[in-house]
Amino acid sequence: MTGKTVLIVDDEASIREMIAVALEMADYNCLEAADALEAHTLIVDKQPDLILLDWMLPGTSGVELARRLKKDETTADIPIIMLTAKVEEDNKIQGLEVGADDYITKPFSPRELVARLKAVLRRATPAGVDSPIDVEGLILDPVSHRVSTPAGPLNIGPTEYRLLQFFMTHQERVYTRAQLLDQVWGGNVYVEERTVDVHIRRLRKALGSDYDHLVQTVRGAGYRFSTQAA
């Protein structure tokens, strides 16, 4: 498998099935939602790598959902491809203006869809998702799932690893405990925000005195990963 997960949002089950078959043949994992509410729950909980979003949905439209996702910094970086039968240029412009990364009109061929999807993912994949990240000698390798320093490998737990990977791919930004819970644990995992503090302490301990300063507490706000002085 590519390891990439695609959320298909369309109220027609036959369309979702057709797309899912094409994507699974191309080694993608698929999630499916029939409306914006179901889609938003999956986005927060499963954090897909890309969203295929139908323009016309019951209740909240696909365009409105895209607008909401792009305004929320916890979901703003997830690429969106709009799927629609609308071919008018104004509609295409509207979809792109709310933050969609691409736009495919129905009917489309599965080969075209997969090609466009791959192109959007290539543009959207942040550094460190498929290649090692090196910050001052602290190296996280997502392929081998290992963290090391010049002194050797670190013994780091799975939650601390996910925290560190998120931090190292989102440096110099402050995240609240609630945002970290959404990004690292998933939005439908019901744990207290103070759980974040426990894992931050464990992460700092695992990093040791040479690197624990990179995970900084921002009073009254949350945490950030930074090579600059707090």
Protein backbone atom coordinates (compact mmCIF):
# COMPACT_ATOMS: atom_id res chain seq x y z
CA MET A 1 0.00 0.00 0.00
CA THR A 2 1.09 3.60 -0.53
CA GLY A 3 0.17 4.29 3.09
CA LYS A 4 -1.95 7.22 1.88
CA THR A 5 -5.58 7.43 2.96
CA VAL A 6 -8.20 9.12 0.78
CA LEU A 7 -11.63 10.17 2.05
CA ILE A 8 -14.35 9.93 -0.62
CA VAL A 9 -17.29 12.25 0.12
CA ASP A 10 -20.26 11.69 -2.19
CA ASP A 11 -23.94 11.04 -1.46
CA GLU A 12 -24.18 8.46 -4.27
CA ALA A 13 -23.00 5.06 -3.05
CA SER A 14 -22.32 3.84 -6.59
CA ILE A 15 -19.94 6.74 -7.24
CA ARG A 16 -18.12 6.12 -3.95
CA GLU A 17 -17.77 2.44 -4.78
CA MET A 18 -16.44 3.13 -8.27
CA ILE A 19 -13.85 5.57 -6.93
CA ALA A 20 -12.87 3.28 -4.05
CA VAL A 21 -12.26 0.36 -6.43
CA ALA A 22 -10.03 2.51 -8.64
CA LEU A 23 -8.05 3.89 -5.70
CA GLU A 24 -7.65 0.55 -3.96
CA MET A 25 -6.29 -0.91 -7.22
CA ALA A 26 -3.73 1.92 -7.11
CA ASP A 27 -2.84 0.90 -3.52
CA TYR A 28 -4.60 3.67 -1.62
CA ASN A 29 -6.60 3.21 1.57
CA CYS A 30 -10.15 4.55 1.30
CA LEU A 31 -12.67 6.03 3.71
CA GLU A 32 -16.21 6.91 2.65
CA ALA A 33 -18.78 9.49 3.76
CA ALA A 34 -22.22 10.33 2.36
CA ASP A 35 -22.55 13.86 3.76
CA ALA A 36 -20.56 16.72 5.28
CA LEU A 37 -21.26 15.79 8.91
CA GLU A 38 -20.04 12.22 8.49
CA ALA A 39 -17.07 13.51 6.49
CA HIS A 40 -16.03 16.01 9.15
CA THR A 41 -16.09 13.32 11.85
CA LEU A 42 -13.84 11.07 9.76
CA ILE A 43 -11.50 13.95 8.91
CA VAL A 44 -10.95 14.83 12.57
CA ASP A 45 -10.67 11.20 13.69
CA LYS A 46 -8.77 9.57 10.83
CA GLN A 47 -6.82 12.52 9.39
CA PRO A 48 -6.90 11.44 5.72
CA ASP A 49 -4.09 12.48 3.40
CA LEU A 50 -6.52 13.80 0.78
CA ILE A 51 -10.26 14.47 0.42
CA LEU A 52 -12.27 13.81 -2.76
CA LEU A 53 -15.25 16.06 -2.15
CA ASP A 54 -18.47 16.18 -4.17
CA TRP A 55 -19.85 19.68 -4.78
CA MET A 56 -23.50 18.74 -4.25
CA LEU A 57 -24.17 17.11 -0.89
CA PRO A 58 -27.37 16.90 1.19
CA GLY A 59 -27.43 19.58 3.87
CA THR A 60 -24.05 21.30 3.96
CA SER A 61 -22.57 21.57 0.46
CA GLY A 62 -19.12 20.34 -0.45
CA VAL A 63 -17.99 23.92 -1.10
CA GLU A 64 -19.11 25.01 2.37
CA LEU A 65 -17.32 22.04 3.97
CA ALA A 66 -14.16 22.88 2.04
CA ARG A 67 -14.41 26.49 3.23
CA ARG A 68 -14.71 25.36 6.87
CA LEU A 69 -11.79 22.93 6.60
CA LYS A 70 -9.49 25.53 5.09
CA LYS A 71 -10.35 28.07 7.83
CA ASP A 72 -9.43 25.59 10.61
CA GLU A 73 -5.65 25.40 10.96
CA THR A 74 -5.85 21.78 12.15
CA THR A 75 -7.37 20.72 8.80
CA ALA A 76 -6.23 23.53 6.48
CA ASP A 77 -3.29 21.55 5.08
CA ILE A 78 -5.34 18.55 3.93
CA PRO A 79 -5.56 18.75 0.11
CA ILE A 80 -9.03 18.72 -1.45
CA ILE A 81 -10.10 17.69 -4.95
CA MET A 82 -13.63 18.80 -5.82
CA LEU A 83 -15.80 16.32 -7.78
CA THR A 84 -18.82 17.73 -9.56
CA ALA A 85 -21.01 17.66 -12.63
CA LYS A 86 -20.88 21.45 -12.70
CA VAL A 87 -18.79 22.59 -15.66
CA GLU A 88 -19.40 26.34 -15.61
CA GLU A 89 -16.20 28.35 -15.15
CA ASP A 90 -17.69 30.39 -12.27
CA ASN A 91 -18.28 27.22 -10.28
CA LYS A 92 -14.74 26.03 -10.91
CA ILE A 93 -13.38 29.37 -9.75
CA GLN A 94 -15.59 29.28 -6.65
CA GLY A 95 -14.27 25.83 -5.74
CA LEU A 96 -10.67 26.91 -6.14
CA GLU A 97 -11.24 30.15 -4.24
CA VAL A 98 -12.41 28.31 -1.11
CA GLY A 99 -9.15 26.37 -1.12
CA ALA A 100 -9.68 23.28 -3.29
CA ASP A 101 -6.40 22.05 -4.76
CA ASP A 102 -7.92 20.65 -7.95
CA TYR A 103 -11.28 20.21 -9.67
CA ILE A 104 -12.56 17.25 -11.70
CA THR A 105 -15.87 17.27 -13.56
CA LYS A 106 -18.04 14.18 -13.90
CA PRO A 107 -17.89 11.91 -15.76
CA PHE A 108 -14.17 11.22 -15.39
CA SER A 109 -12.02 8.17 -16.00
CA PRO A 110 -10.49 6.32 -13.05
CA ARG A 111 -7.06 6.73 -14.65
CA GLU A 112 -7.48 10.50 -14.82
CA LEU A 113 -8.65 10.61 -11.20
CA VAL A 114 -5.67 8.60 -9.93
CA ALA A 115 -3.24 10.72 -11.96
CA ARG A 116 -4.68 13.99 -10.65
CA LEU A 117 -4.74 12.62 -7.11
CA LYS A 118 -1.07 11.62 -7.29
CA ALA A 119 -0.13 15.06 -8.60
CA VAL A 120 -1.95 16.84 -5.76
CA LEU A 121 -0.40 14.55 -3.14
CA ARG A 122 3.09 15.18 -4.53
CA ARG A 123 2.56 18.92 -4.16
CA ALA A 124 0.97 18.63 -0.72
CA THR A 125 3.22 16.08 0.99
CA PRO A 126 5.27 17.95 3.61
CA ALA A 127 8.94 17.25 4.12
CA GLY A 128 9.45 14.39 6.50
CA VAL A 129 6.37 12.36 5.66
CA ASP A 130 8.26 10.13 3.21
CA SER A 131 11.86 11.08 3.99
CA PRO A 132 13.93 11.49 7.18
CA ILE A 133 13.78 14.81 9.01
CA ASP A 134 16.99 16.15 10.56
CA VAL A 135 16.85 18.92 13.16
CA GLU A 136 20.25 19.71 14.65
CA GLY A 137 21.23 16.05 14.48
CA LEU A 138 17.92 14.74 15.81
CA ILE A 139 16.76 12.44 13.00
CA LEU A 140 13.27 10.97 12.61
CA ASP A 141 12.97 8.33 9.89
CA PRO A 142 9.29 7.65 9.08
CA VAL A 143 10.14 4.61 6.94
CA SER A 144 11.97 2.69 9.67
CA HIS A 145 9.95 4.39 12.43
CA ARG A 146 13.15 5.22 14.33
CA VAL A 147 14.50 8.32 16.06
CA SER A 148 18.22 8.80 16.51
CA THR A 149 20.86 11.33 17.54
CA PRO A 150 24.64 11.39 17.01
CA ALA A 151 24.86 9.47 20.29
CA GLY A 152 22.68 6.63 18.94
CA PRO A 153 19.02 5.56 18.68
CA LEU A 154 16.42 6.85 21.16
CA ASN A 155 13.98 4.64 23.04
CA ILE A 156 10.69 6.39 22.34
CA GLY A 157 7.09 5.23 22.81
CA PRO A 158 4.52 5.16 19.97
CA THR A 159 2.55 8.19 21.18
CA GLU A 160 5.72 10.18 21.80
CA TYR A 161 6.88 9.20 18.30
CA ARG A 162 3.66 10.54 16.75
CA LEU A 163 3.96 13.73 18.79
CA LEU A 164 7.55 14.22 17.68
CA GLN A 165 6.72 13.54 14.04
CA PHE A 166 3.89 16.07 14.14
CA PHE A 167 6.13 18.66 15.81
CA MET A 168 9.04 18.12 13.42
CA THR A 169 6.77 18.53 10.37
CA HIS A 170 5.05 21.60 11.89
CA GLN A 171 7.89 23.60 13.38
CA GLU A 172 7.71 27.13 14.82
CA ARG A 173 3.92 27.06 15.32
CA VAL A 174 2.12 27.03 18.64
CA TYR A 175 -0.50 24.29 19.11
CA THR A 176 -3.03 24.11 21.93
CA ARG A 177 -3.54 20.88 23.84
CA ALA A 178 -6.90 20.41 22.06
CA GLN A 179 -5.25 20.78 18.65
CA LEU A 180 -2.54 18.28 19.56
CA LEU A 181 -5.20 15.83 20.73
CA ASP A 182 -6.97 16.17 17.37
CA GLN A 183 -3.78 15.79 15.35
CA VAL A 184 -1.99 13.06 17.30
CA TRP A 185 -4.72 11.11 19.09
CA GLY A 186 -7.67 11.76 16.74
CA GLY A 187 -10.72 13.85 17.45
CA ASN A 188 -12.97 10.98 18.57
CA VAL A 189 -10.55 9.68 21.20
CA TYR A 190 -11.89 10.96 24.50
CA VAL A 191 -8.92 11.74 26.72
CA GLU A 192 -8.30 14.76 28.90
CA GLU A 193 -6.19 17.61 27.60
CA ARG A 194 -3.76 17.11 30.49
CA THR A 195 -2.86 13.79 28.87
CA VAL A 196 -0.87 15.89 26.40
CA ASP A 197 1.26 17.25 29.24
CA VAL A 198 2.11 13.73 30.40
CA HIS A 199 3.30 12.70 26.94
CA ILE A 200 5.18 15.97 26.45
CA ARG A 201 7.14 15.19 29.63
CA ARG A 202 7.82 11.65 28.38
CA LEU A 203 8.93 13.00 25.01
CA ARG A 204 11.33 15.47 26.61
CA LYS A 205 12.75 12.71 28.80
CA ALA A 206 13.27 10.49 25.74
CA LEU A 207 14.99 13.31 23.86
CA GLY A 208 17.43 13.87 26.71
CA SER A 209 19.25 17.01 27.75
CA ASP A 210 20.68 17.65 24.27
CA TYR A 211 17.30 17.99 22.57
CA ASP A 212 14.55 18.46 25.17
CA HIS A 213 14.79 22.26 24.69
CA LEU A 214 13.26 21.88 21.21
CA VAL A 215 9.83 21.10 22.71
CA GLN A 216 8.83 24.40 24.26
CA THR A 217 5.97 25.34 26.57
CA VAL A 218 4.18 28.54 25.58
CA ARG A 219 2.42 29.79 28.71
CA GLY A 220 -1.32 30.19 28.31
CA ALA A 221 -1.23 28.84 24.76
CA GLY A 222 0.24 25.35 24.39
CA TYR A 223 3.41 23.91 22.89
CA ARG A 224 5.69 24.47 19.93
CA PHE A 225 8.72 22.78 18.41
CA SER A 226 11.45 25.31 17.74
CA THR A 227 15.21 25.58 17.32
CA GLN A 228 15.01 29.18 18.53
CA ALA A 229 15.22 30.22 22.15
CA ALA A 230 11.85 30.16 23.93
